[in-house]
Every structure is written in structure tokens, then in C-alpha cells.
N, C-alpha and C. Protein backbone atom coordinates (compact mmCIF):
# COMPACT_ATOMS: atom_id res chain seq x y z
N MET A 1 -2.15 -48.95 -10.90
CA MET A 1 -0.85 -48.37 -11.00
C MET A 1 0.24 -49.39 -10.40
N SER A 2 0.23 -48.77 -9.10
CA SER A 2 0.77 -49.21 -8.08
C SER A 2 1.03 -50.55 -7.75
N TYR A 3 0.32 -51.70 -8.30
CA TYR A 3 0.02 -52.57 -8.22
C TYR A 3 1.60 -53.27 -9.44
N SER A 4 1.23 -53.01 -10.45
CA SER A 4 2.02 -52.94 -11.77
C SER A 4 3.48 -52.78 -11.64
N ILE A 5 3.57 -51.50 -10.58
CA ILE A 5 5.06 -51.16 -10.53
C ILE A 5 5.43 -51.46 -9.32
N SER A 6 4.86 -51.84 -7.67
CA SER A 6 5.59 -52.87 -7.21
C SER A 6 5.76 -54.16 -7.90
N HIS A 7 5.14 -54.77 -8.59
CA HIS A 7 5.37 -56.08 -9.57
C HIS A 7 6.75 -55.95 -9.58
N ALA A 8 6.58 -54.77 -10.91
CA ALA A 8 7.71 -54.58 -12.12
C ALA A 8 9.39 -54.36 -10.64
N VAL A 9 9.29 -53.90 -9.59
CA VAL A 9 10.42 -53.61 -8.38
C VAL A 9 10.54 -54.87 -8.41
N ASN A 10 9.87 -55.50 -7.84
CA ASN A 10 9.79 -57.02 -7.05
C ASN A 10 10.89 -57.83 -8.06
N HIS A 11 9.94 -57.89 -9.16
CA HIS A 11 10.51 -58.58 -10.20
C HIS A 11 12.30 -58.36 -10.74
N VAL A 12 12.71 -56.91 -10.75
CA VAL A 12 13.90 -56.44 -10.86
C VAL A 12 14.66 -57.03 -9.81
N LEU A 13 14.73 -56.20 -8.13
CA LEU A 13 15.27 -57.00 -7.24
C LEU A 13 15.55 -58.23 -6.82
N SER A 14 14.49 -58.98 -7.39
CA SER A 14 14.58 -60.40 -6.91
C SER A 14 15.53 -61.41 -8.18
N ASN A 15 15.39 -60.62 -9.20
CA ASN A 15 15.94 -61.31 -10.56
C ASN A 15 17.58 -61.61 -9.85
N PRO A 16 17.68 -62.70 -9.83
CA PRO A 16 19.82 -63.41 -10.05
C PRO A 16 20.08 -62.94 -11.22
N ASP A 17 19.76 -62.96 -11.93
CA ASP A 17 20.36 -62.84 -13.17
C ASP A 17 20.55 -61.55 -13.27
N LEU A 18 20.62 -60.07 -12.87
CA LEU A 18 20.72 -58.66 -13.21
C LEU A 18 21.63 -58.64 -11.69
N LYS A 19 22.75 -58.10 -12.00
CA LYS A 19 23.81 -57.61 -11.17
C LYS A 19 23.32 -56.49 -10.67
N GLU A 20 23.49 -56.30 -9.51
CA GLU A 20 23.34 -55.10 -8.10
C GLU A 20 23.35 -53.91 -8.83
N GLU A 21 24.47 -53.52 -9.81
CA GLU A 21 24.31 -51.84 -10.18
C GLU A 21 23.29 -52.12 -11.57
N GLU A 22 22.76 -53.34 -12.27
CA GLU A 22 21.70 -52.98 -13.30
C GLU A 22 20.70 -53.16 -12.36
N LYS A 23 20.79 -53.21 -11.36
CA LYS A 23 19.29 -53.52 -10.88
C LYS A 23 19.24 -52.02 -10.40
N ALA A 24 20.03 -51.32 -10.16
CA ALA A 24 19.97 -49.93 -9.61
C ALA A 24 19.65 -48.73 -10.61
N ASP A 25 20.46 -49.34 -11.93
CA ASP A 25 20.02 -48.41 -13.19
C ASP A 25 18.87 -48.51 -13.26
N TYR A 26 18.77 -50.04 -13.58
CA TYR A 26 16.94 -50.33 -14.17
C TYR A 26 15.99 -49.13 -13.59
N ILE A 27 16.12 -49.59 -12.24
CA ILE A 27 14.88 -48.40 -11.71
C ILE A 27 15.23 -47.32 -11.75
N ALA A 28 16.02 -46.49 -11.50
CA ALA A 28 16.96 -45.50 -11.84
C ALA A 28 16.46 -44.76 -13.11
N SER A 29 16.51 -45.59 -14.04
CA SER A 29 16.20 -45.53 -14.97
C SER A 29 14.51 -45.15 -15.42
N SER A 30 13.99 -46.03 -14.72
CA SER A 30 12.65 -46.29 -15.24
C SER A 30 11.99 -44.28 -14.07
N ALA A 31 12.75 -44.24 -13.20
CA ALA A 31 12.61 -43.36 -11.99
C ALA A 31 12.91 -41.95 -13.24
N LEU A 32 13.92 -42.04 -13.57
CA LEU A 32 14.18 -40.72 -14.29
C LEU A 32 13.22 -40.32 -15.76
N HIS A 33 12.84 -41.58 -16.38
CA HIS A 33 12.20 -41.45 -17.43
C HIS A 33 10.70 -41.09 -17.08
N LEU A 34 10.12 -41.50 -16.13
CA LEU A 34 8.66 -40.65 -15.53
C LEU A 34 8.73 -39.57 -15.01
N GLU A 35 10.01 -39.39 -14.97
CA GLU A 35 10.38 -37.71 -14.33
C GLU A 35 10.33 -36.81 -15.39
N ALA A 36 11.19 -37.38 -16.61
CA ALA A 36 11.07 -36.73 -17.81
C ALA A 36 9.97 -36.59 -18.78
N GLU A 37 8.51 -37.48 -18.49
CA GLU A 37 7.13 -37.69 -19.22
C GLU A 37 6.84 -36.76 -18.18
N GLU A 38 6.67 -35.82 -16.66
CA GLU A 38 6.13 -35.75 -16.24
C GLU A 38 6.75 -33.79 -16.40
N GLU A 39 7.54 -33.81 -16.87
CA GLU A 39 8.47 -32.41 -17.51
C GLU A 39 7.83 -32.11 -18.93
N ARG A 40 8.13 -33.12 -19.68
CA ARG A 40 7.29 -32.81 -21.26
C ARG A 40 5.93 -32.44 -20.88
N ILE A 41 5.36 -33.38 -19.79
CA ILE A 41 4.01 -32.52 -20.11
C ILE A 41 3.63 -31.61 -19.55
N SER A 42 4.19 -31.01 -18.45
CA SER A 42 4.24 -30.00 -17.99
C SER A 42 4.67 -28.59 -18.91
N THR A 43 5.13 -28.94 -19.68
CA THR A 43 5.92 -27.96 -21.06
C THR A 43 4.60 -27.91 -21.63
N GLN A 44 4.02 -29.48 -22.34
CA GLN A 44 3.42 -29.37 -22.89
C GLN A 44 1.55 -28.12 -22.55
N ILE A 45 1.43 -28.83 -21.05
CA ILE A 45 0.65 -27.57 -20.30
C ILE A 45 0.54 -25.96 -20.52
N THR A 46 1.65 -25.62 -20.23
CA THR A 46 2.13 -24.17 -20.55
C THR A 46 1.70 -23.64 -21.33
N HIS A 47 1.96 -25.24 -22.99
CA HIS A 47 2.46 -23.58 -24.21
C HIS A 47 0.92 -24.28 -24.65
N LEU A 48 0.05 -25.55 -23.93
CA LEU A 48 -1.59 -25.22 -24.26
C LEU A 48 -2.26 -24.12 -23.36
N LYS A 49 -1.69 -24.13 -22.67
CA LYS A 49 -2.49 -22.66 -21.59
C LYS A 49 -1.97 -21.16 -22.50
N ASP A 50 -1.10 -21.41 -23.14
CA ASP A 50 -0.54 -19.86 -23.83
C ASP A 50 -1.55 -19.85 -25.19
N VAL A 51 -1.57 -20.96 -26.23
CA VAL A 51 -2.35 -21.10 -26.88
C VAL A 51 -3.86 -20.90 -26.33
N LYS A 52 -4.42 -21.27 -25.34
CA LYS A 52 -5.77 -21.25 -25.02
C LYS A 52 -6.04 -19.39 -24.61
N THR A 53 -5.03 -18.97 -24.11
CA THR A 53 -4.72 -17.68 -23.91
C THR A 53 -4.73 -16.94 -25.44
N LYS A 54 -4.21 -17.15 -26.00
CA LYS A 54 -3.99 -16.71 -27.66
C LYS A 54 -5.15 -16.89 -28.72
N LEU A 55 -6.16 -17.79 -28.26
CA LEU A 55 -7.11 -17.81 -29.05
C LEU A 55 -8.20 -17.32 -28.56
N LYS A 56 -8.51 -17.23 -26.97
CA LYS A 56 -9.53 -16.20 -26.02
C LYS A 56 -9.51 -14.59 -26.28
N GLU A 57 -8.24 -14.37 -26.56
CA GLU A 57 -8.12 -13.31 -27.07
C GLU A 57 -8.17 -12.88 -28.74
N ALA A 58 -7.78 -13.96 -29.28
CA ALA A 58 -8.35 -13.80 -30.89
C ALA A 58 -10.29 -13.87 -30.82
N LYS A 59 -10.79 -14.46 -30.07
CA LYS A 59 -12.55 -14.87 -30.31
C LYS A 59 -12.58 -12.99 -29.85
N GLU A 60 -11.82 -12.55 -28.83
CA GLU A 60 -12.72 -11.16 -27.87
C GLU A 60 -12.10 -10.72 -29.26
N GLN A 61 -11.18 -10.32 -29.64
CA GLN A 61 -11.14 -9.20 -30.69
C GLN A 61 -11.71 -9.12 -31.98
N LEU A 62 -12.04 -10.83 -32.21
CA LEU A 62 -13.10 -11.06 -33.91
C LEU A 62 -13.99 -10.50 -33.12
N LYS A 63 -14.85 -10.65 -31.94
CA LYS A 63 -15.91 -10.33 -31.56
C LYS A 63 -16.11 -8.30 -31.34
N SER A 64 -14.78 -8.03 -30.66
CA SER A 64 -15.00 -6.45 -30.60
C SER A 64 -15.29 -5.99 -31.99
N ILE A 65 -14.15 -6.20 -32.81
CA ILE A 65 -13.85 -5.51 -34.47
C ILE A 65 -15.50 -5.60 -35.02
N THR A 66 -16.17 -6.89 -35.15
CA THR A 66 -17.28 -7.20 -35.22
C THR A 66 -18.37 -5.67 -34.66
N ALA A 67 -18.23 -5.70 -33.93
CA ALA A 67 -19.72 -5.00 -32.94
C ALA A 67 -19.04 -3.42 -33.52
N GLU A 68 -17.75 -3.46 -33.52
CA GLU A 68 -17.59 -1.70 -34.04
C GLU A 68 -17.57 -1.92 -35.40
N VAL A 69 -17.64 -3.00 -36.46
CA VAL A 69 -17.92 -2.35 -37.73
C VAL A 69 -19.82 -2.81 -37.64
N MET A 70 -20.24 -3.41 -37.08
CA MET A 70 -21.82 -3.41 -37.17
C MET A 70 -21.99 -2.06 -36.78
N ILE A 71 -21.94 -1.58 -35.83
CA ILE A 71 -22.21 -0.37 -35.11
C ILE A 71 -22.04 0.79 -36.14
N LYS A 72 -20.66 1.05 -36.47
CA LYS A 72 -20.15 1.94 -37.46
C LYS A 72 -21.15 1.99 -38.68
N SER A 73 -21.49 0.41 -39.36
CA SER A 73 -22.57 0.33 -40.45
C SER A 73 -24.09 0.42 -40.22
N GLY A 74 -24.72 0.61 -38.93
CA GLY A 74 -25.96 0.73 -38.28
C GLY A 74 -26.57 -0.47 -38.46
N ILE A 75 -25.54 -1.40 -38.38
CA ILE A 75 -26.44 -2.16 -37.88
C ILE A 75 -26.38 -3.09 -36.43
N ASP A 76 -27.32 -2.91 -36.49
CA ASP A 76 -27.68 -3.44 -34.64
C ASP A 76 -27.86 -4.96 -34.57
N LYS A 77 -28.43 -5.76 -35.77
CA LYS A 77 -28.74 -7.38 -35.25
C LYS A 77 -27.92 -7.81 -36.77
N LEU A 78 -27.45 -9.35 -36.49
CA LEU A 78 -28.07 -9.92 -38.00
C LEU A 78 -28.57 -11.23 -37.58
N LYS A 79 -29.36 -12.24 -38.35
CA LYS A 79 -29.99 -13.07 -38.10
C LYS A 79 -28.97 -13.85 -38.99
N GLY A 80 -28.82 -15.06 -38.11
CA GLY A 80 -28.22 -16.22 -38.85
C GLY A 80 -29.52 -17.41 -39.53
N LEU A 81 -28.69 -18.49 -40.10
CA LEU A 81 -29.00 -19.96 -40.36
C LEU A 81 -28.91 -21.09 -39.20
N ASN A 82 -27.20 -20.58 -38.78
CA ASN A 82 -27.30 -21.84 -37.82
C ASN A 82 -27.26 -20.97 -36.22
N ILE A 83 -27.49 -19.68 -36.04
CA ILE A 83 -27.20 -18.79 -34.87
C ILE A 83 -29.01 -18.42 -34.95
N SER A 84 -29.32 -18.12 -33.95
CA SER A 84 -30.51 -17.11 -34.14
C SER A 84 -29.87 -15.76 -34.37
N SER A 85 -29.06 -14.84 -34.17
CA SER A 85 -29.11 -13.51 -34.29
C SER A 85 -27.84 -13.11 -33.86
N LEU A 86 -26.92 -12.39 -34.28
CA LEU A 86 -25.54 -11.56 -33.35
C LEU A 86 -26.46 -10.27 -33.33
N THR A 87 -25.84 -9.67 -31.99
CA THR A 87 -26.58 -8.41 -31.57
C THR A 87 -25.38 -7.95 -31.02
N ALA A 88 -25.39 -6.31 -31.75
CA ALA A 88 -24.28 -5.37 -31.62
C ALA A 88 -24.05 -4.84 -30.08
N GLN A 89 -22.83 -4.82 -29.28
CA GLN A 89 -23.44 -4.04 -27.93
C GLN A 89 -21.87 -3.04 -27.80
N ALA A 90 -22.24 -1.99 -27.75
CA ALA A 90 -21.44 -0.88 -27.98
C ALA A 90 -20.55 -0.71 -26.89
N TYR A 91 -19.25 -0.21 -27.27
CA TYR A 91 -18.73 0.03 -26.33
C TYR A 91 -19.39 0.50 -24.93
N SER A 92 -19.05 0.26 -23.70
CA SER A 92 -19.55 0.95 -22.16
C SER A 92 -18.38 1.06 -21.12
N GLU A 93 -18.45 2.33 -20.28
CA GLU A 93 -18.06 2.05 -19.10
C GLU A 93 -18.91 2.37 -17.83
N SER A 94 -18.69 1.95 -16.80
CA SER A 94 -19.55 1.81 -15.41
C SER A 94 -18.77 2.13 -14.73
N GLU A 95 -18.88 2.85 -13.66
CA GLU A 95 -18.64 3.11 -11.98
C GLU A 95 -18.64 2.98 -11.20
N SER A 96 -17.96 2.27 -9.94
CA SER A 96 -18.79 1.71 -8.96
C SER A 96 -17.66 1.69 -7.93
N GLN A 97 -17.81 1.71 -7.10
CA GLN A 97 -17.48 2.41 -5.67
C GLN A 97 -16.82 1.08 -4.59
N GLU A 98 -15.29 0.90 -4.93
CA GLU A 98 -14.73 -0.10 -4.26
C GLU A 98 -13.81 0.21 -3.04
N LEU A 99 -14.48 -0.64 -2.06
CA LEU A 99 -13.70 -0.20 -0.64
C LEU A 99 -12.05 -0.48 -0.67
N ILE A 100 -11.38 0.41 0.15
CA ILE A 100 -10.18 0.51 0.47
C ILE A 100 -10.16 0.90 2.11
N ILE A 101 -9.63 -0.81 2.46
CA ILE A 101 -9.12 -0.81 4.17
C ILE A 101 -7.84 -0.06 4.06
N ASP A 102 -7.86 1.42 4.97
CA ASP A 102 -6.63 1.53 5.20
C ASP A 102 -5.76 1.47 6.21
N ASP A 103 -6.97 1.04 7.32
CA ASP A 103 -6.39 0.77 8.86
C ASP A 103 -7.07 -0.24 9.35
N GLU A 104 -7.07 -1.19 9.42
CA GLU A 104 -7.80 -2.94 9.85
C GLU A 104 -7.99 -2.67 10.81
N ASP A 105 -7.02 -2.07 11.80
CA ASP A 105 -6.89 -2.40 13.52
C ASP A 105 -7.59 -1.37 13.65
N GLU A 106 -7.93 -0.31 13.15
CA GLU A 106 -8.93 0.37 13.86
C GLU A 106 -10.28 0.11 13.79
N LEU A 107 -10.48 -0.39 11.95
CA LEU A 107 -11.74 -0.76 12.36
C LEU A 107 -12.32 -2.22 13.21
N LYS A 108 -11.27 -3.05 13.34
CA LYS A 108 -11.88 -3.98 14.15
C LYS A 108 -12.16 -3.37 15.60
N ASP A 109 -11.04 -2.07 15.95
CA ASP A 109 -11.23 -2.06 17.59
C ASP A 109 -12.95 -1.68 17.38
N LEU A 110 -13.49 -0.85 16.29
CA LEU A 110 -14.46 -0.36 16.32
C LEU A 110 -15.98 -1.83 15.83
N GLY A 111 -15.72 -2.62 16.20
CA GLY A 111 -16.15 -3.77 16.04
C GLY A 111 -16.91 -4.20 14.41
N TYR A 112 -16.24 -3.75 14.26
CA TYR A 112 -17.06 -4.35 11.81
C TYR A 112 -15.85 -5.39 12.01
N VAL A 113 -15.64 -6.65 12.66
CA VAL A 113 -15.56 -7.99 12.47
C VAL A 113 -16.14 -8.91 12.38
N ILE A 114 -16.10 -9.97 11.92
CA ILE A 114 -16.31 -11.08 11.69
C ILE A 114 -15.52 -12.22 12.71
N VAL A 115 -14.41 -12.34 11.44
CA VAL A 115 -13.26 -13.44 11.49
C VAL A 115 -12.46 -12.70 10.80
N SER A 116 -12.81 -11.78 9.70
CA SER A 116 -11.77 -10.76 9.38
C SER A 116 -12.78 -9.59 9.21
N LEU A 117 -12.11 -8.49 8.69
CA LEU A 117 -12.71 -7.16 8.41
C LEU A 117 -14.16 -7.50 7.73
N ASP A 118 -15.46 -7.06 8.20
CA ASP A 118 -16.62 -7.13 7.82
C ASP A 118 -17.20 -6.14 6.67
N GLU A 119 -16.48 -6.35 5.38
CA GLU A 119 -16.46 -5.16 4.48
C GLU A 119 -17.73 -4.10 3.95
N LYS A 120 -19.07 -5.80 4.04
CA LYS A 120 -20.20 -4.79 4.10
C LYS A 120 -20.47 -4.25 5.19
N ARG A 121 -20.39 -4.14 6.09
CA ARG A 121 -21.17 -3.57 7.37
C ARG A 121 -19.99 -2.12 7.32
N ILE A 122 -18.79 -2.26 6.81
CA ILE A 122 -17.91 -0.72 6.59
C ILE A 122 -18.44 -0.28 5.53
N LYS A 123 -18.53 -0.74 4.47
CA LYS A 123 -19.45 -0.27 3.42
C LYS A 123 -20.77 0.41 3.82
N GLN A 124 -21.86 0.04 4.50
CA GLN A 124 -22.86 0.42 5.34
C GLN A 124 -22.59 1.79 6.15
N ALA A 125 -21.61 1.67 6.90
CA ALA A 125 -21.51 2.89 8.14
C ALA A 125 -20.76 3.92 7.12
N LEU A 126 -19.90 3.68 5.80
CA LEU A 126 -19.38 4.63 5.42
C LEU A 126 -20.59 5.47 4.97
N ASN A 127 -21.51 4.37 4.21
CA ASN A 127 -22.92 4.87 3.47
C ASN A 127 -23.79 6.20 4.08
N ASP A 128 -24.11 5.06 5.63
CA ASP A 128 -24.40 6.15 6.59
C ASP A 128 -24.18 7.52 7.12
N GLY A 129 -22.69 7.19 6.74
CA GLY A 129 -21.92 8.87 7.67
C GLY A 129 -21.76 8.72 8.79
N GLU A 130 -22.28 6.81 9.63
CA GLU A 130 -21.16 6.40 10.51
C GLU A 130 -19.25 6.82 10.96
N LEU A 131 -19.01 6.17 9.95
CA LEU A 131 -17.53 6.14 9.72
C LEU A 131 -17.40 7.62 8.62
N SER A 132 -15.77 8.04 8.67
CA SER A 132 -15.66 9.08 8.25
C SER A 132 -14.06 8.62 7.33
N GLU A 133 -13.64 9.23 6.46
CA GLU A 133 -12.83 8.64 5.95
C GLU A 133 -11.33 8.40 6.73
N ILE A 134 -10.83 8.96 7.62
CA ILE A 134 -10.10 9.03 8.54
C ILE A 134 -10.08 7.69 9.16
N ASN A 135 -11.40 7.32 9.71
CA ASN A 135 -11.64 6.20 10.58
C ASN A 135 -10.87 4.83 9.96
N GLY A 136 -10.40 4.86 8.91
CA GLY A 136 -9.63 3.80 8.60
C GLY A 136 -10.10 2.76 7.06
N ALA A 137 -10.82 3.49 6.36
CA ALA A 137 -11.65 3.30 5.14
C ALA A 137 -11.98 4.12 4.16
N HIS A 138 -11.98 4.04 3.29
CA HIS A 138 -12.47 4.92 2.50
C HIS A 138 -12.65 4.33 0.74
N PHE A 139 -14.14 5.00 0.51
CA PHE A 139 -14.38 5.14 -1.30
C PHE A 139 -13.61 5.15 -2.27
N GLU A 140 -13.44 3.99 -3.41
CA GLU A 140 -12.13 5.09 -4.27
C GLU A 140 -13.32 4.49 -5.25
N THR A 141 -13.76 5.83 -6.05
CA THR A 141 -14.19 5.35 -7.62
C THR A 141 -13.57 5.04 -8.65
N VAL A 142 -14.00 3.41 -8.99
CA VAL A 142 -13.32 2.76 -10.19
C VAL A 142 -13.92 2.60 -10.92
N THR A 143 -13.39 2.85 -12.59
CA THR A 143 -13.66 2.71 -13.95
C THR A 143 -13.46 1.59 -14.30
N LYS A 144 -14.66 0.75 -14.69
CA LYS A 144 -14.35 -0.43 -15.49
C LYS A 144 -15.25 -0.15 -16.93
N SER A 145 -14.43 -0.35 -18.29
CA SER A 145 -14.91 -0.38 -18.86
C SER A 145 -15.15 -2.16 -19.62
N LYS A 146 -15.73 -1.42 -20.88
CA LYS A 146 -15.98 -2.80 -21.50
C LYS A 146 -15.90 -3.10 -23.12
N SER A 147 -15.34 -3.58 -23.51
CA SER A 147 -15.05 -3.12 -25.27
C SER A 147 -16.75 -3.47 -25.81
N ALA A 148 -16.67 -3.17 -27.15
CA ALA A 148 -17.91 -3.38 -27.96
C ALA A 148 -17.53 -4.67 -28.58
N THR A 149 -18.69 -5.63 -28.43
CA THR A 149 -18.32 -6.72 -28.58
C THR A 149 -20.47 -7.31 -29.63
N ILE A 150 -20.24 -8.79 -29.42
CA ILE A 150 -20.90 -8.96 -29.89
C ILE A 150 -22.00 -10.08 -29.41
N ARG A 151 -23.43 -10.19 -29.35
CA ARG A 151 -23.56 -11.62 -28.39
C ARG A 151 -24.22 -12.48 -29.32
N ILE A 152 -23.80 -14.02 -29.36
CA ILE A 152 -24.81 -14.68 -30.35
C ILE A 152 -25.98 -15.20 -29.73
N ASN A 153 -26.94 -15.01 -30.71
CA ASN A 153 -28.36 -16.09 -30.20
C ASN A 153 -28.02 -17.15 -30.43
N LYS A 154 -28.17 -18.25 -29.69
CA LYS A 154 -27.57 -19.44 -30.44
C LYS A 154 -29.19 -20.03 -30.48
N ARG A 155 -29.74 -20.67 -31.55
CA ARG A 155 -30.60 -21.39 -31.86
C ARG A 155 -31.11 -22.62 -30.59
N ARG A 156 -31.98 -22.97 -30.48
CA ARG A 156 -32.08 -24.04 -29.66
C ARG A 156 -32.51 -25.25 -30.54
N ASN A 157 -31.98 -26.45 -30.10
CA ASN A 157 -32.58 -27.75 -30.33
C ASN A 157 -32.15 -27.80 -31.82
N ILE A 158 -30.76 -27.11 -32.52
CA ILE A 158 -29.70 -27.10 -33.21
C ILE A 158 -28.72 -27.58 -33.50
N ASN A 159 -27.99 -28.88 -33.61
CA ASN A 159 -26.95 -29.46 -33.56
C ASN A 159 -25.51 -28.45 -34.71
N PRO A 160 -25.04 -27.53 -33.53
CA PRO A 160 -24.33 -26.70 -34.21
C PRO A 160 -23.10 -27.22 -35.37
N ILE A 161 -22.89 -26.77 -36.36
CA ILE A 161 -22.21 -26.95 -37.19
C ILE A 161 -20.90 -26.28 -36.91
N ALA A 162 -20.00 -27.26 -37.01
CA ALA A 162 -18.39 -26.62 -37.42
C ALA A 162 -17.81 -25.37 -38.17
N LEU A 163 -17.24 -24.15 -38.46
CA LEU A 163 -16.76 -23.90 -39.16
C LEU A 163 -15.37 -23.99 -39.10
N ASP A 164 -14.93 -24.38 -40.36
CA ASP A 164 -13.31 -24.65 -39.84
C ASP A 164 -12.46 -22.83 -39.89
N VAL A 165 -11.99 -22.64 -39.08
CA VAL A 165 -11.76 -21.03 -38.72
C VAL A 165 -10.18 -21.33 -38.76
N GLU A 166 -9.26 -20.73 -39.37
CA GLU A 166 -7.61 -20.83 -39.28
C GLU A 166 -7.25 -19.73 -38.69
N VAL A 167 -6.76 -20.20 -37.25
CA VAL A 167 -5.69 -18.80 -36.82
C VAL A 167 -4.60 -18.76 -36.89
N LEU A 168 -3.86 -18.05 -38.02
CA LEU A 168 -2.35 -18.07 -38.41
C LEU A 168 -1.53 -17.47 -37.43
N PRO A 169 -0.22 -18.16 -37.12
CA PRO A 169 0.36 -17.83 -36.17
C PRO A 169 0.90 -15.87 -36.81
N ASN A 170 0.84 -15.44 -37.59
CA ASN A 170 0.79 -13.95 -37.89
C ASN A 170 -0.48 -13.30 -37.00
N ASP A 171 -1.81 -13.94 -37.23
CA ASP A 171 -2.83 -13.56 -36.22
C ASP A 171 -2.47 -13.23 -35.21
N LEU A 172 -1.96 -14.51 -34.48
CA LEU A 172 -1.76 -14.70 -33.45
C LEU A 172 -0.78 -13.69 -32.40
N GLU A 173 0.75 -13.28 -33.67
CA GLU A 173 1.57 -12.45 -33.36
C GLU A 173 0.73 -11.03 -32.89
N GLU A 174 0.08 -10.39 -33.94
CA GLU A 174 -0.56 -9.10 -34.05
C GLU A 174 -1.37 -9.11 -32.75
N ILE A 175 -2.03 -9.98 -32.63
CA ILE A 175 -2.63 -10.07 -31.20
C ILE A 175 -1.65 -9.54 -29.52
N GLU A 176 -0.45 -10.26 -30.14
CA GLU A 176 0.18 -10.24 -28.97
C GLU A 176 1.13 -8.93 -28.71
N ASP A 177 1.19 -7.93 -30.34
CA ASP A 177 1.97 -7.15 -30.27
C ASP A 177 0.88 -5.89 -29.67
N GLU A 178 -0.74 -6.22 -30.02
CA GLU A 178 -1.90 -5.19 -29.52
C GLU A 178 -1.72 -5.01 -28.52
N LYS A 179 -0.64 -5.90 -27.37
CA LYS A 179 -0.94 -5.68 -25.96
C LYS A 179 -0.56 -4.34 -25.16
């Protein structure tokens, strides 16, 4: 591409039939056209990211609602023709401990450092009782929830068939409203 641009610029600048103003306008017009194309593509990328996000939300909503209906109906698994099966997985929550650094400098002074804080050693020291909460770090219990969903168990060595699924603009608006 740079060769063709170089060739075009040389052609314009060396063309004796073009006035200086025409040469400047031609090159500037080309640059402005490229800039407009770049902006158009950036806008399309933003739009496509939004569409992708909405489609992902619609897929998760479909899976969650399907799992909830299957569970309420007493259905654990549905066998398919093009897929092996759908398995309902109920809503769940899990708790884990998340390390919160309160005072990096104190922990660094105590030797819990690699290049930055050595969170693995800090966690171990807190678990072993070597450090107390006032020494610059503590654990907080974090609750993570996972919506009910379905697992799609795909068959092996089968060409997937495409199902025509139409997501209507109203469906995407409903997903947005539920946020």
C-alpha cells in the first residue's frame, strides 16, 4: 500500500498540468477521505461491539430462562437430535476469600515482596496466623452468584445445522431494560 501511495503522491506532485493549489487540495482530500473512512470504521466497530454485547446478553437470558423453566417442570435433561443434550444447572452461589491489601508499605517491610506484593505469601501468612488484620491486609468474604443456565452437550463429528433465530429490536430493548 505504501508503494502505491508513494507512487500516487509523486505523480500528483510532479504533474505539470496541476496548479500548486490543486496538488495541495488533491492530497488533502485524499487524507481527509482516509480519515473519514477510519472514523466510519470506528463507528461500525462501536456498533458491532454493542450488538455483540446484546446478543451475548440475549444468549445468557435464553439459557437462564430455559434452565429455570426446565427445573420448575422437573426436567433435568433434554436429549436432542443435533446436540447430545441440554442439562439444566440450578442457580448457585459460592463464597471465597479475596485478599484486600490495606498497607502495601508495611507488607513490603515485612518481606512479602517479589517485585510487587507477594499476595500468595500474604494469604499464606494470614491463614497461618503469622499476620493479623492490622498488619496491612485482611480477608473479605466475597459472594459470587451464578444464574441458572443450561449446558449444551454437543455431539461429536456432526456438522452443526444453523437455526434461523431472529432477535427482534424489542427483544434487545427488553434485555437493556432488565439491566
